[in-house]
Amino acid sequence: MLFNLIQNAIRHTPADGSVVVRATRATEGAIDIEVADSGPGIAHGERDRIFEPFFQGGDRAARSDGGAGLGLAISRAIIQAHGGRIWLADAEVGTCVRFLLPCED
């Protein structure tokens, strides 16, 4: 699931851009993971739909990169199955996907 988020970030970031992965302890018993890129970002009107199965927003729907639009939906299902949550965080540039997972101390 983390690999999928990193692949998405790389796929949608130009060659001179960057992808950053951060992990921090959010609270007792939880870890906060962030995958941020400096790509074009996600259009405001599409932000509510990106975790829906088969949704490919903007110009991504017309691309033939082999994606089916399932990666983020599957990631959300896996995270929720482990008692966590995933969301789009605000980003000045690009896209920032964060997820919170419970963990043992």
PDB file of N, CA and C in Angstrom:
ATOM      1  N   MET A   1       0.812  -1.166   0.000  1.00  0.00           N
ATOM      2  CA  MET A   1       0.000   0.000   0.000  1.00  0.00           C
ATOM      3  C   MET A   1       0.873   1.255   0.000  1.00  0.00           C
ATOM      4  N   LEU A   2       1.873   1.309   0.833  1.00  0.00           N
ATOM      5  CA  LEU A   2       2.794   2.448   0.817  1.00  0.00           C
ATOM      6  C   LEU A   2       3.522   2.512  -0.523  1.00  0.00           C
ATOM      7  N   PHE A   3       3.915   1.373  -1.048  1.00  0.00           N
ATOM      8  CA  PHE A   3       4.572   1.314  -2.350  1.00  0.00           C
ATOM      9  C   PHE A   3       3.666   1.905  -3.428  1.00  0.00           C
ATOM     10  N   ASN A   4       2.360   1.597  -3.366  1.00  0.00           N
ATOM     11  CA  ASN A   4       1.406   2.137  -4.325  1.00  0.00           C
ATOM     12  C   ASN A   4       1.343   3.659  -4.233  1.00  0.00           C
ATOM     13  N   LEU A   5       1.301   4.205  -3.036  1.00  0.00           N
ATOM     14  CA  LEU A   5       1.246   5.657  -2.863  1.00  0.00           C
ATOM     15  C   LEU A   5       2.512   6.318  -3.402  1.00  0.00           C
ATOM     16  N   ILE A   6       3.653   5.699  -3.167  1.00  0.00           N
ATOM     17  CA  ILE A   6       4.918   6.248  -3.672  1.00  0.00           C
ATOM     18  C   ILE A   6       4.950   6.168  -5.198  1.00  0.00           C
ATOM     19  N   GLN A   7       4.507   5.058  -5.766  1.00  0.00           N
ATOM     20  CA  GLN A   7       4.452   4.932  -7.229  1.00  0.00           C
ATOM     21  C   GLN A   7       3.545   5.993  -7.840  1.00  0.00           C
ATOM     22  N   ASN A   8       2.378   6.227  -7.239  1.00  0.00           N
ATOM     23  CA  ASN A   8       1.479   7.275  -7.729  1.00  0.00           C
ATOM     24  C   ASN A   8       2.175   8.629  -7.718  1.00  0.00           C
ATOM     25  N   ALA A   9       2.851   8.935  -6.620  1.00  0.00           N
ATOM     26  CA  ALA A   9       3.532  10.219  -6.502  1.00  0.00           C
ATOM     27  C   ALA A   9       4.610  10.362  -7.581  1.00  0.00           C
ATOM     28  N   ILE A  10       5.375   9.317  -7.798  1.00  0.00           N
ATOM     29  CA  ILE A  10       6.427   9.355  -8.823  1.00  0.00           C
ATOM     30  C   ILE A  10       5.807   9.510 -10.211  1.00  0.00           C
ATOM     31  N   ARG A  11       4.752   8.770 -10.491  1.00  0.00           N
ATOM     32  CA  ARG A  11       4.096   8.799 -11.802  1.00  0.00           C
ATOM     33  C   ARG A  11       3.582  10.192 -12.143  1.00  0.00           C
ATOM     34  N   HIS A  12       3.139  10.941 -11.143  1.00  0.00           N
ATOM     35  CA  HIS A  12       2.519  12.242 -11.395  1.00  0.00           C
ATOM     36  C   HIS A  12       3.432  13.419 -11.059  1.00  0.00           C
ATOM     37  N   THR A  13       4.728  13.145 -10.965  1.00  0.00           N
ATOM     38  CA  THR A  13       5.701  14.198 -10.675  1.00  0.00           C
ATOM     39  C   THR A  13       6.665  14.323 -11.844  1.00  0.00           C
ATOM     40  N   PRO A  14       6.928  15.556 -12.307  1.00  0.00           N
ATOM     41  CA  PRO A  14       7.879  15.721 -13.411  1.00  0.00           C
ATOM     42  C   PRO A  14       9.293  15.290 -13.007  1.00  0.00           C
ATOM     43  N   ALA A  15      10.114  15.055 -14.001  1.00  0.00           N
ATOM     44  CA  ALA A  15      11.471  14.559 -13.770  1.00  0.00           C
ATOM     45  C   ALA A  15      12.279  15.464 -12.846  1.00  0.00           C
ATOM     46  N   ASP A  16      12.026  16.757 -12.863  1.00  0.00           N
ATOM     47  CA  ASP A  16      12.785  17.666 -11.998  1.00  0.00           C
ATOM     48  C   ASP A  16      12.070  17.932 -10.673  1.00  0.00           C
ATOM     49  N   GLY A  17      11.012  17.164 -10.387  1.00  0.00           N
ATOM     50  CA  GLY A  17      10.242  17.339  -9.157  1.00  0.00           C
ATOM     51  C   GLY A  17      10.784  16.480  -8.028  1.00  0.00           C
ATOM     52  N   SER A  18       9.995  16.403  -6.960  1.00  0.00           N
ATOM     53  CA  SER A  18      10.428  15.618  -5.804  1.00  0.00           C
ATOM     54  C   SER A  18       9.255  14.880  -5.177  1.00  0.00           C
ATOM     55  N   VAL A  19       9.591  13.773  -4.524  1.00  0.00           N
ATOM     56  CA  VAL A  19       8.646  12.984  -3.748  1.00  0.00           C
ATOM     57  C   VAL A  19       9.259  12.811  -2.365  1.00  0.00           C
ATOM     58  N   VAL A  20       8.488  13.120  -1.336  1.00  0.00           N
ATOM     59  CA  VAL A  20       8.981  13.034   0.040  1.00  0.00           C
ATOM     60  C   VAL A  20       8.053  12.122   0.833  1.00  0.00           C
ATOM     61  N   VAL A  21       8.649  11.193   1.592  1.00  0.00           N
ATOM     62  CA  VAL A  21       7.898  10.302   2.462  1.00  0.00           C
ATOM     63  C   VAL A  21       8.341  10.592   3.889  1.00  0.00           C
ATOM     64  N   ARG A  22       7.348  10.833   4.765  1.00  0.00           N
ATOM     65  CA  ARG A  22       7.643  11.123   6.169  1.00  0.00           C
ATOM     66  C   ARG A  22       6.812  10.197   7.051  1.00  0.00           C
ATOM     67  N   ALA A  23       7.380   9.806   8.174  1.00  0.00           N
ATOM     68  CA  ALA A  23       6.646   9.033   9.172  1.00  0.00           C
ATOM     69  C   ALA A  23       6.936   9.641  10.532  1.00  0.00           C
ATOM     70  N   THR A  24       5.875   9.905  11.287  1.00  0.00           N
ATOM     71  CA  THR A  24       6.023  10.463  12.630  1.00  0.00           C
ATOM     72  C   THR A  24       5.038   9.764  13.561  1.00  0.00           C
ATOM     73  N   ARG A  25       5.381   9.762  14.830  1.00  0.00           N
ATOM     74  CA  ARG A  25       4.449   9.251  15.817  1.00  0.00           C
ATOM     75  C   ARG A  25       3.399  10.337  16.018  1.00  0.00           C
ATOM     76  N   ALA A  26       2.155  10.007  15.743  1.00  0.00           N
ATOM     77  CA  ALA A  26       1.075  10.985  15.828  1.00  0.00           C
ATOM     78  C   ALA A  26       0.606  11.141  17.270  1.00  0.00           C
ATOM     79  N   THR A  27       0.266  10.060  17.903  1.00  0.00           N
ATOM     80  CA  THR A  27      -0.180  10.026  19.294  1.00  0.00           C
ATOM     81  C   THR A  27       0.278   8.704  19.859  1.00  0.00           C
ATOM     82  N   GLU A  28       0.010   8.498  21.122  1.00  0.00           N
ATOM     83  CA  GLU A  28       0.316   7.192  21.697  1.00  0.00           C
ATOM     84  C   GLU A  28      -0.440   6.127  20.917  1.00  0.00           C
ATOM     85  N   GLY A  29       0.276   5.174  20.376  1.00  0.00           N
ATOM     86  CA  GLY A  29      -0.364   4.076  19.676  1.00  0.00           C
ATOM     87  C   GLY A  29      -0.746   4.343  18.238  1.00  0.00           C
ATOM     88  N   ALA A  30      -0.209   5.413  17.620  1.00  0.00           N
ATOM     89  CA  ALA A  30      -0.538   5.683  16.217  1.00  0.00           C
ATOM     90  C   ALA A  30       0.671   6.277  15.498  1.00  0.00           C
ATOM     91  N   ILE A  31       0.765   5.965  14.207  1.00  0.00           N
ATOM     92  CA  ILE A  31       1.820   6.519  13.360  1.00  0.00           C
ATOM     93  C   ILE A  31       1.158   7.247  12.188  1.00  0.00           C
ATOM     94  N   ASP A  32       1.732   8.388  11.838  1.00  0.00           N
ATOM     95  CA  ASP A  32       1.223   9.238  10.761  1.00  0.00           C
ATOM     96  C   ASP A  32       2.234   9.170   9.620  1.00  0.00           C
ATOM     97  N   ILE A  33       1.785   8.751   8.447  1.00  0.00           N
ATOM     98  CA  ILE A  33       2.673   8.631   7.287  1.00  0.00           C
ATOM     99  C   ILE A  33       2.168   9.567   6.198  1.00  0.00           C
ATOM    100  N   GLU A  34       3.112  10.242   5.562  1.00  0.00           N
ATOM    101  CA  GLU A  34       2.792  11.226   4.528  1.00  0.00           C
ATOM    102  C   GLU A  34       3.611  10.940   3.282  1.00  0.00           C
ATOM    103  N   VAL A  35       2.947  10.983   2.124  1.00  0.00           N
ATOM    104  CA  VAL A  35       3.622  10.886   0.826  1.00  0.00           C
ATOM    105  C   VAL A  35       3.245  12.157   0.066  1.00  0.00           C
ATOM    106  N   ALA A  36       4.230  13.014  -0.160  1.00  0.00           N
ATOM    107  CA  ALA A  36       3.981  14.302  -0.814  1.00  0.00           C
ATOM    108  C   ALA A  36       4.809  14.403  -2.078  1.00  0.00           C
ATOM    109  N   ASP A  37       4.218  15.004  -3.122  1.00  0.00           N
ATOM    110  CA  ASP A  37       4.953  15.198  -4.368  1.00  0.00           C
ATOM    111  C   ASP A  37       4.811  16.634  -4.833  1.00  0.00           C
ATOM    112  N   SER A  38       5.644  16.998  -5.790  1.00  0.00           N
ATOM    113  CA  SER A  38       5.622  18.359  -6.336  1.00  0.00           C
ATOM    114  C   SER A  38       5.039  18.380  -7.744  1.00  0.00           C
ATOM    115  N   GLY A  39       4.178  17.421  -8.037  1.00  0.00           N
ATOM    116  CA  GLY A  39       3.522  17.341  -9.337  1.00  0.00           C
ATOM    117  C   GLY A  39       2.416  18.371  -9.477  1.00  0.00           C
ATOM    118  N   PRO A  40       1.560  18.205 -10.471  1.00  0.00           N
ATOM    119  CA  PRO A  40       0.510  19.193 -10.747  1.00  0.00           C
ATOM    120  C   PRO A  40      -0.604  19.218  -9.707  1.00  0.00           C
ATOM    121  N   GLY A  41      -0.695  18.227  -8.860  1.00  0.00           N
ATOM    122  CA  GLY A  41      -1.734  18.194  -7.848  1.00  0.00           C
ATOM    123  C   GLY A  41      -3.049  17.654  -8.381  1.00  0.00           C
ATOM    124  N   ILE A  42      -4.043  17.648  -7.529  1.00  0.00           N
ATOM    125  CA  ILE A  42      -5.365  17.131  -7.867  1.00  0.00           C
ATOM    126  C   ILE A  42      -6.328  18.304  -7.887  1.00  0.00           C
ATOM    127  N   ALA A  43      -7.098  18.402  -8.952  1.00  0.00           N
ATOM    128  CA  ALA A  43      -8.053  19.502  -9.093  1.00  0.00           C
ATOM    129  C   ALA A  43      -9.007  19.523  -7.903  1.00  0.00           C
ATOM    130  N   HIS A  44      -9.324  20.706  -7.441  1.00  0.00           N
ATOM    131  CA  HIS A  44     -10.184  20.872  -6.269  1.00  0.00           C
ATOM    132  C   HIS A  44     -11.488  20.094  -6.406  1.00  0.00           C
ATOM    133  N   GLY A  45     -12.103  20.121  -7.566  1.00  0.00           N
ATOM    134  CA  GLY A  45     -13.368  19.437  -7.784  1.00  0.00           C
ATOM    135  C   GLY A  45     -13.279  17.925  -7.796  1.00  0.00           C
ATOM    136  N   GLU A  46     -12.066  17.374  -7.852  1.00  0.00           N
ATOM    137  CA  GLU A  46     -11.877  15.920  -7.891  1.00  0.00           C
ATOM    138  C   GLU A  46     -11.402  15.344  -6.564  1.00  0.00           C
ATOM    139  N   ARG A  47     -11.058  16.205  -5.635  1.00  0.00           N
ATOM    140  CA  ARG A  47     -10.460  15.758  -4.378  1.00  0.00           C
ATOM    141  C   ARG A  47     -11.358  14.804  -3.594  1.00  0.00           C
ATOM    142  N   ASP A  48     -12.671  15.000  -3.652  1.00  0.00           N
ATOM    143  CA  ASP A  48     -13.590  14.146  -2.895  1.00  0.00           C
ATOM    144  C   ASP A  48     -13.745  12.761  -3.509  1.00  0.00           C
ATOM    145  N   ARG A  49     -13.296  12.582  -4.742  1.00  0.00           N
ATOM    146  CA  ARG A  49     -13.544  11.313  -5.445  1.00  0.00           C
ATOM    147  C   ARG A  49     -12.315  10.425  -5.607  1.00  0.00           C
ATOM    148  N   ILE A  50     -11.140  10.901  -5.245  1.00  0.00           N
ATOM    149  CA  ILE A  50      -9.941  10.136  -5.604  1.00  0.00           C
ATOM    150  C   ILE A  50      -9.822   8.773  -4.936  1.00  0.00           C
ATOM    151  N   PHE A  51     -10.543   8.550  -3.849  1.00  0.00           N
ATOM    152  CA  PHE A  51     -10.489   7.244  -3.189  1.00  0.00           C
ATOM    153  C   PHE A  51     -11.601   6.312  -3.664  1.00  0.00           C
ATOM    154  N   GLU A  52     -12.395   6.752  -4.650  1.00  0.00           N
ATOM    155  CA  GLU A  52     -13.440   5.911  -5.226  1.00  0.00           C
ATOM    156  C   GLU A  52     -12.828   4.927  -6.223  1.00  0.00           C
ATOM    157  N   PRO A  53     -13.310   3.668  -6.236  1.00  0.00           N
ATOM    158  CA  PRO A  53     -12.798   2.698  -7.211  1.00  0.00           C
ATOM    159  C   PRO A  53     -13.009   3.175  -8.651  1.00  0.00           C
ATOM    160  N   PHE A  54     -12.010   2.985  -9.465  1.00  0.00           N
ATOM    161  CA  PHE A  54     -11.987   3.272 -10.899  1.00  0.00           C
ATOM    162  C   PHE A  54     -11.960   4.761 -11.249  1.00  0.00           C
ATOM    163  N   PHE A  55     -11.935   5.647 -10.261  1.00  0.00           N
ATOM    164  CA  PHE A  55     -11.901   7.071 -10.581  1.00  0.00           C
ATOM    165  C   PHE A  55     -10.495   7.477 -11.006  1.00  0.00           C
ATOM    166  N   GLN A  56     -10.401   8.122 -12.162  1.00  0.00           N
ATOM    167  CA  GLN A  56      -9.149   8.693 -12.655  1.00  0.00           C
ATOM    168  C   GLN A  56      -9.467  10.111 -13.090  1.00  0.00           C
ATOM    169  N   GLY A  57      -8.962  11.050 -12.363  1.00  0.00           N
ATOM    170  CA  GLY A  57      -9.337  12.435 -12.614  1.00  0.00           C
ATOM    171  C   GLY A  57      -8.538  13.110 -13.703  1.00  0.00           C
ATOM    172  N   GLY A  58      -9.074  14.231 -14.150  1.00  0.00           N
ATOM    173  CA  GLY A  58      -8.398  15.109 -15.101  1.00  0.00           C
ATOM    174  C   GLY A  58      -7.874  14.396 -16.317  1.00  0.00           C
ATOM    175  N   ASP A  59      -6.678  14.773 -16.729  1.00  0.00           N
ATOM    176  CA  ASP A  59      -6.058  14.172 -17.910  1.00  0.00           C
ATOM    177  C   ASP A  59      -5.618  12.737 -17.664  1.00  0.00           C
ATOM    178  N   ARG A  60      -5.603  12.305 -16.421  1.00  0.00           N
ATOM    179  CA  ARG A  60      -5.188  10.935 -16.112  1.00  0.00           C
ATOM    180  C   ARG A  60      -6.159   9.922 -16.713  1.00  0.00           C
ATOM    181  N   ALA A  61      -7.419  10.317 -16.865  1.00  0.00           N
ATOM    182  CA  ALA A  61      -8.410   9.386 -17.427  1.00  0.00           C
ATOM    183  C   ALA A  61      -8.095   9.048 -18.879  1.00  0.00           C
ATOM    184  N   ALA A  62      -7.450   9.953 -19.586  1.00  0.00           N
ATOM    185  CA  ALA A  62      -7.159   9.737 -21.002  1.00  0.00           C
ATOM    186  C   ALA A  62      -5.789   9.096 -21.220  1.00  0.00           C
ATOM    187  N   ARG A  63      -4.992   8.980 -20.165  1.00  0.00           N
ATOM    188  CA  ARG A  63      -3.647   8.423 -20.318  1.00  0.00           C
ATOM    189  C   ARG A  63      -3.680   6.907 -20.392  1.00  0.00           C
ATOM    190  N   SER A  64      -2.680   6.368 -21.001  1.00  0.00           N
ATOM    191  CA  SER A  64      -2.600   4.914 -21.112  1.00  0.00           C
ATOM    192  C   SER A  64      -1.410   4.393 -20.306  1.00  0.00           C
ATOM    193  N   ASP A  65      -1.338   4.777 -19.034  1.00  0.00           N
ATOM    194  CA  ASP A  65      -0.223   4.338 -18.197  1.00  0.00           C
ATOM    195  C   ASP A  65      -0.500   3.006 -17.515  1.00  0.00           C
ATOM    196  N   GLY A  66      -1.614   2.366 -17.877  1.00  0.00           N
ATOM    197  CA  GLY A  66      -1.908   1.044 -17.345  1.00  0.00           C
ATOM    198  C   GLY A  66      -2.673   1.057 -16.039  1.00  0.00           C
ATOM    199  N   GLY A  67      -2.894   2.224 -15.449  1.00  0.00           N
ATOM    200  CA  GLY A  67      -3.627   2.283 -14.195  1.00  0.00           C
ATOM    201  C   GLY A  67      -5.115   2.075 -14.415  1.00  0.00           C
ATOM    202  N   ALA A  68      -5.747   1.417 -13.443  1.00  0.00           N
ATOM    203  CA  ALA A  68      -7.183   1.152 -13.534  1.00  0.00           C
ATOM    204  C   ALA A  68      -7.988   2.060 -12.604  1.00  0.00           C
ATOM    205  N   GLY A  69      -7.297   2.879 -11.812  1.00  0.00           N
ATOM    206  CA  GLY A  69      -8.002   3.727 -10.873  1.00  0.00           C
ATOM    207  C   GLY A  69      -8.404   2.995  -9.602  1.00  0.00           C
ATOM    208  N   LEU A  70      -7.676   1.932  -9.268  1.00  0.00           N
ATOM    209  CA  LEU A  70      -7.999   1.144  -8.080  1.00  0.00           C
ATOM    210  C   LEU A  70      -7.016   1.319  -6.938  1.00  0.00           C
ATOM    211  N   GLY A  71      -5.846   1.831  -7.214  1.00  0.00           N
ATOM    212  CA  GLY A  71      -4.788   1.891  -6.199  1.00  0.00           C
ATOM    213  C   GLY A  71      -5.173   2.616  -4.929  1.00  0.00           C
ATOM    214  N   LEU A  72      -5.745   3.806  -5.041  1.00  0.00           N
ATOM    215  CA  LEU A  72      -6.112   4.562  -3.844  1.00  0.00           C
ATOM    216  C   LEU A  72      -7.304   3.939  -3.130  1.00  0.00           C
ATOM    217  N   ALA A  73      -8.237   3.367  -3.877  1.00  0.00           N
ATOM    218  CA  ALA A  73      -9.381   2.686  -3.253  1.00  0.00           C
ATOM    219  C   ALA A  73      -8.907   1.461  -2.465  1.00  0.00           C
ATOM    220  N   ILE A  74      -7.983   0.709  -3.032  1.00  0.00           N
ATOM    221  CA  ILE A  74      -7.437  -0.463  -2.337  1.00  0.00           C
ATOM    222  C   ILE A  74      -6.630  -0.026  -1.124  1.00  0.00           C
ATOM    223  N   SER A  75      -5.829   1.026  -1.278  1.00  0.00           N
ATOM    224  CA  SER A  75      -5.061   1.541  -0.146  1.00  0.00           C
ATOM    225  C   SER A  75      -5.988   1.937   0.993  1.00  0.00           C
ATOM    226  N   ARG A  76      -7.077   2.639   0.668  1.00  0.00           N
ATOM    227  CA  ARG A  76      -8.035   3.044   1.699  1.00  0.00           C
ATOM    228  C   ARG A  76      -8.629   1.819   2.394  1.00  0.00           C
ATOM    229  N   ALA A  77      -8.993   0.792   1.622  1.00  0.00           N
ATOM    230  CA  ALA A  77      -9.581  -0.417   2.213  1.00  0.00           C
ATOM    231  C   ALA A  77      -8.599  -1.104   3.159  1.00  0.00           C
ATOM    232  N   ILE A  78      -7.347  -1.194   2.766  1.00  0.00           N
ATOM    233  CA  ILE A  78      -6.329  -1.837   3.611  1.00  0.00           C
ATOM    234  C   ILE A  78      -6.128  -1.038   4.896  1.00  0.00           C
ATOM    235  N   ILE A  79      -6.014   0.273   4.758  1.00  0.00           N
ATOM    236  CA  ILE A  79      -5.798   1.126   5.938  1.00  0.00           C
ATOM    237  C   ILE A  79      -6.989   1.032   6.884  1.00  0.00           C
ATOM    238  N   GLN A  80      -8.198   1.098   6.349  1.00  0.00           N
ATOM    239  CA  GLN A  80      -9.386   1.011   7.189  1.00  0.00           C
ATOM    240  C   GLN A  80      -9.496  -0.361   7.853  1.00  0.00           C
ATOM    241  N   ALA A  81      -9.104  -1.416   7.155  1.00  0.00           N
ATOM    242  CA  ALA A  81      -9.141  -2.760   7.724  1.00  0.00           C
ATOM    243  C   ALA A  81      -8.203  -2.889   8.921  1.00  0.00           C
ATOM    244  N   HIS A  82      -7.173  -2.041   8.959  1.00  0.00           N
ATOM    245  CA  HIS A  82      -6.234  -2.047  10.081  1.00  0.00           C
ATOM    246  C   HIS A  82      -6.557  -0.972  11.114  1.00  0.00           C
ATOM    247  N   GLY A  83      -7.745  -0.388  11.007  1.00  0.00           N
ATOM    248  CA  GLY A  83      -8.172   0.590  11.999  1.00  0.00           C
ATOM    249  C   GLY A  83      -7.650   1.993  11.779  1.00  0.00           C
ATOM    250  N   GLY A  84      -7.184   2.286  10.573  1.00  0.00           N
ATOM    251  CA  GLY A  84      -6.637   3.608  10.280  1.00  0.00           C
ATOM    252  C   GLY A  84      -7.535   4.416   9.374  1.00  0.00           C
ATOM    253  N   ARG A  85      -7.008   5.554   8.937  1.00  0.00           N
ATOM    254  CA  ARG A  85      -7.730   6.390   7.977  1.00  0.00           C
ATOM    255  C   ARG A  85      -6.734   7.050   7.038  1.00  0.00           C
ATOM    256  N   ILE A  86      -7.201   7.423   5.853  1.00  0.00           N
ATOM    257  CA  ILE A  86      -6.373   8.043   4.817  1.00  0.00           C
ATOM    258  C   ILE A  86      -7.109   9.270   4.303  1.00  0.00           C
ATOM    259  N   TRP A  87      -6.348  10.312   3.949  1.00  0.00           N
ATOM    260  CA  TRP A  87      -6.958  11.538   3.447  1.00  0.00           C
ATOM    261  C   TRP A  87      -5.953  12.332   2.628  1.00  0.00           C
ATOM    262  N   LEU A  88      -6.483  13.308   1.904  1.00  0.00           N
ATOM    263  CA  LEU A  88      -5.644  14.270   1.192  1.00  0.00           C
ATOM    264  C   LEU A  88      -5.404  15.434   2.128  1.00  0.00           C
ATOM    265  N   ALA A  89      -4.161  15.737   2.376  1.00  0.00           N
ATOM    266  CA  ALA A  89      -3.819  16.900   3.192  1.00  0.00           C
ATOM    267  C   ALA A  89      -3.627  18.094   2.265  1.00  0.00           C
ATOM    268  N   ASP A  90      -3.809  19.283   2.811  1.00  0.00           N
ATOM    269  CA  ASP A  90      -3.574  20.488   2.023  1.00  0.00           C
ATOM    270  C   ASP A  90      -2.098  20.584   1.655  1.00  0.00           C
ATOM    271  N   ALA A  91      -1.834  21.015   0.428  1.00  0.00           N
ATOM    272  CA  ALA A  91      -0.462  21.178  -0.046  1.00  0.00           C
ATOM    273  C   ALA A  91      -0.401  22.424  -0.925  1.00  0.00           C
ATOM    274  N   GLU A  92       0.624  23.232  -0.723  1.00  0.00           N
ATOM    275  CA  GLU A  92       0.792  24.423  -1.567  1.00  0.00           C
ATOM    276  C   GLU A  92       1.112  24.031  -2.999  1.00  0.00           C
ATOM    277  N   VAL A  93       1.882  22.965  -3.152  1.00  0.00           N
ATOM    278  CA  VAL A  93       2.273  22.459  -4.468  1.00  0.00           C
ATOM    279  C   VAL A  93       2.071  20.956  -4.465  1.00  0.00           C
ATOM    280  N   GLY A  94       1.584  20.417  -5.566  1.00  0.00           N
ATOM    281  CA  GLY A  94       1.477  18.975  -5.710  1.00  0.00           C
ATOM    282  C   GLY A  94       0.372  18.359  -4.887  1.00  0.00           C
ATOM    283  N   THR A  95       0.604  17.125  -4.496  1.00  0.00           N
ATOM    284  CA  THR A  95      -0.373  16.336  -3.747  1.00  0.00           C
ATOM    285  C   THR A  95       0.280  15.801  -2.487  1.00  0.00           C
ATOM    286  N   CYS A  96      -0.479  15.776  -1.409  1.00  0.00           N
ATOM    287  CA  CYS A  96      -0.006  15.223  -0.143  1.00  0.00           C
ATOM    288  C   CYS A  96      -1.055  14.252   0.373  1.00  0.00           C
ATOM    289  N   VAL A  97      -0.720  12.972   0.365  1.00  0.00           N
ATOM    290  CA  VAL A  97      -1.603  11.936   0.893  1.00  0.00           C
ATOM    291  C   VAL A  97      -1.049  11.532   2.242  1.00  0.00           C
ATOM    292  N   ARG A  98      -1.922  11.517   3.245  1.00  0.00           N
ATOM    293  CA  ARG A  98      -1.506  11.108   4.587  1.00  0.00           C
ATOM    294  C   ARG A  98      -2.401   9.984   5.060  1.00  0.00           C
ATOM    295  N   PHE A  99      -1.826   9.124   5.895  1.00  0.00           N
ATOM    296  CA  PHE A  99      -2.636   8.110   6.536  1.00  0.00           C
ATOM    297  C   PHE A  99      -2.137   7.869   7.950  1.00  0.00           C
ATOM    298  N   LEU A 100      -3.065   7.485   8.779  1.00  0.00           N
ATOM    299  CA  LEU A 100      -2.810   7.251  10.189  1.00  0.00           C
ATOM    300  C   LEU A 100      -3.131   5.788  10.472  1.00  0.00           C
ATOM    301  N   LEU A 101      -2.193   5.103  11.119  1.00  0.00           N
ATOM    302  CA  LEU A 101      -2.383   3.694  11.457  1.00  0.00           C
ATOM    303  C   LEU A 101      -2.089   3.489  12.932  1.00  0.00           C
ATOM    304  N   PRO A 102      -2.873   2.658  13.586  1.00  0.00           N
ATOM    305  CA  PRO A 102      -2.532   2.319  14.955  1.00  0.00           C
ATOM    306  C   PRO A 102      -1.262   1.461  14.977  1.00  0.00           C
ATOM    307  N   CYS A 103      -0.474   1.615  16.012  1.00  0.00           N
ATOM    308  CA  CYS A 103       0.731   0.798  16.145  1.00  0.00           C
ATOM    309  C   CYS A 103       0.960   0.503  17.633  1.00  0.00           C
ATOM    310  N   GLU A 104       1.711  -0.514  17.880  1.00  0.00           N
ATOM    311  CA  GLU A 104       2.031  -0.876  19.246  1.00  0.00           C
ATOM    312  C   GLU A 104       3.209  -0.063  19.728  1.00  0.00           C
ATOM    313  N   ASP A 105       3.174   0.323  20.981  1.00  0.00           N
ATOM    314  CA  ASP A 105       4.294   1.101  21.556  1.00  0.00           C
ATOM    315  C   ASP A 105       5.505   0.247  21.776  1.00  0.00           C
TER     316      ASP A 105
END
